[in-house]
């Protein structure tokens, strides 16, 4: 009568500890590295970037890397205000 249910329904999707957005950044770094260096070195660079992202994201909530890039004004997030203080003055 009862069916099995997963224990964590709201857990984010991760593959080997990284979110899909992080893999997009790893692939971008792999493509840029492959344009500049040998294939084996480019693969090593991509693996190093993946390890660096994994190390930076340990213990942080989902989306922490994208929000850090937004805070440094490298990647704007749509619908989110700028991280810098805005002054509203008539002059």
Protein backbone atom coordinates (compact mmCIF):
# COMPACT_ATOMS: atom_id res chain seq x y z
CA UNK A 1 0.00 0.00 0.00
CA UNK A 2 2.78 2.47 0.89
CA UNK A 3 5.44 3.32 -1.66
CA UNK A 4 9.02 4.27 -0.96
CA UNK A 5 9.80 7.99 -0.97
CA UNK A 6 13.18 9.71 -1.16
CA UNK A 7 14.33 11.12 2.16
CA UNK A 8 15.54 14.46 0.75
CA UNK A 9 13.02 16.00 -1.61
CA UNK A 10 14.54 19.47 -1.76
CA UNK A 11 18.18 18.47 -2.18
CA UNK A 12 19.83 20.22 -5.16
CA UNK A 13 21.08 18.27 -8.16
CA UNK A 14 24.82 17.67 -7.89
CA UNK A 15 27.18 15.52 -9.92
CA UNK A 16 30.40 14.63 -8.10
CA UNK A 17 29.84 17.54 -5.73
CA UNK A 18 29.30 20.26 -8.35
CA UNK A 19 26.11 21.82 -9.66
CA UNK A 20 25.29 21.95 -13.40
CA UNK A 21 26.14 25.69 -13.52
CA UNK A 22 29.59 24.92 -12.16
CA UNK A 23 30.14 22.35 -14.89
CA UNK A 24 29.32 25.05 -17.44
CA UNK A 25 32.15 27.19 -16.03
CA UNK A 26 34.49 24.17 -16.01
CA UNK A 27 33.67 23.46 -19.67
CA UNK A 28 34.24 27.11 -20.57
CA UNK A 29 37.67 27.03 -18.93
CA UNK A 30 38.43 23.74 -20.70
CA UNK A 31 37.51 25.22 -24.10
CA UNK A 32 39.59 28.36 -23.52
CA UNK A 33 42.54 26.28 -22.31
CA UNK A 34 42.31 23.96 -25.30
CA UNK A 35 42.64 26.94 -27.63
CA UNK A 36 45.90 27.98 -25.94
CA UNK A 37 47.71 24.75 -25.05
CA UNK A 38 48.12 21.03 -25.73
CA UNK A 39 45.11 18.75 -25.16
CA UNK A 40 46.58 16.97 -22.15
CA UNK A 41 47.49 20.23 -20.44
CA UNK A 42 44.02 21.63 -21.22
CA UNK A 43 42.41 18.57 -19.65
CA UNK A 44 44.62 19.01 -16.60
CA UNK A 45 43.62 22.67 -16.42
CA UNK A 46 39.92 21.74 -16.60
CA UNK A 47 40.38 19.12 -13.87
CA UNK A 48 42.22 21.68 -11.75
CA UNK A 49 39.42 24.21 -12.18
CA UNK A 50 36.84 21.55 -11.27
CA UNK A 51 38.81 20.66 -8.12
CA UNK A 52 39.16 24.36 -7.26
CA UNK A 53 35.39 24.89 -7.62
CA UNK A 54 34.71 21.81 -5.49
CA UNK A 55 37.13 23.05 -2.83
CA UNK A 56 35.62 26.57 -2.83
CA UNK A 57 32.04 25.23 -2.54
CA UNK A 58 32.57 22.90 0.43
CA UNK A 59 29.97 23.69 3.11
CA UNK A 60 28.30 26.49 1.16
CA UNK A 61 24.66 26.62 -0.01
CA UNK A 62 23.62 25.91 -3.62
CA UNK A 63 24.42 28.72 -6.04
CA UNK A 64 27.23 30.13 -3.88
CA UNK A 65 29.70 30.32 -6.76
CA UNK A 66 27.30 32.18 -9.07
CA UNK A 67 26.45 34.62 -6.27
CA UNK A 68 30.16 35.18 -5.58
CA UNK A 69 30.69 36.01 -9.26
CA UNK A 70 27.74 38.42 -9.03
CA UNK A 71 29.19 40.02 -5.90
CA UNK A 72 32.49 40.60 -7.75
CA UNK A 73 30.43 42.02 -10.70
CA UNK A 74 31.69 39.41 -13.17
CA UNK A 75 28.34 37.75 -13.92
CA UNK A 76 25.15 39.76 -13.42
CA UNK A 77 22.16 37.82 -12.12
CA UNK A 78 18.88 38.84 -13.67
CA UNK A 79 16.37 40.27 -11.22
CA UNK A 80 18.95 40.83 -8.47
CA UNK A 81 20.16 44.30 -7.55
CA UNK A 82 23.77 45.31 -8.07
CA UNK A 83 26.07 44.40 -5.18
CA UNK A 84 27.38 47.97 -4.90
CA UNK A 85 25.51 50.56 -2.90
CA UNK A 86 23.44 52.85 -5.05
CA UNK A 87 22.96 56.46 -4.08
CA UNK A 88 19.73 58.11 -5.00
CA UNK A 89 20.18 61.87 -5.10
CA UNK A 90 18.83 64.63 -7.35
CA UNK A 91 22.37 65.76 -8.23
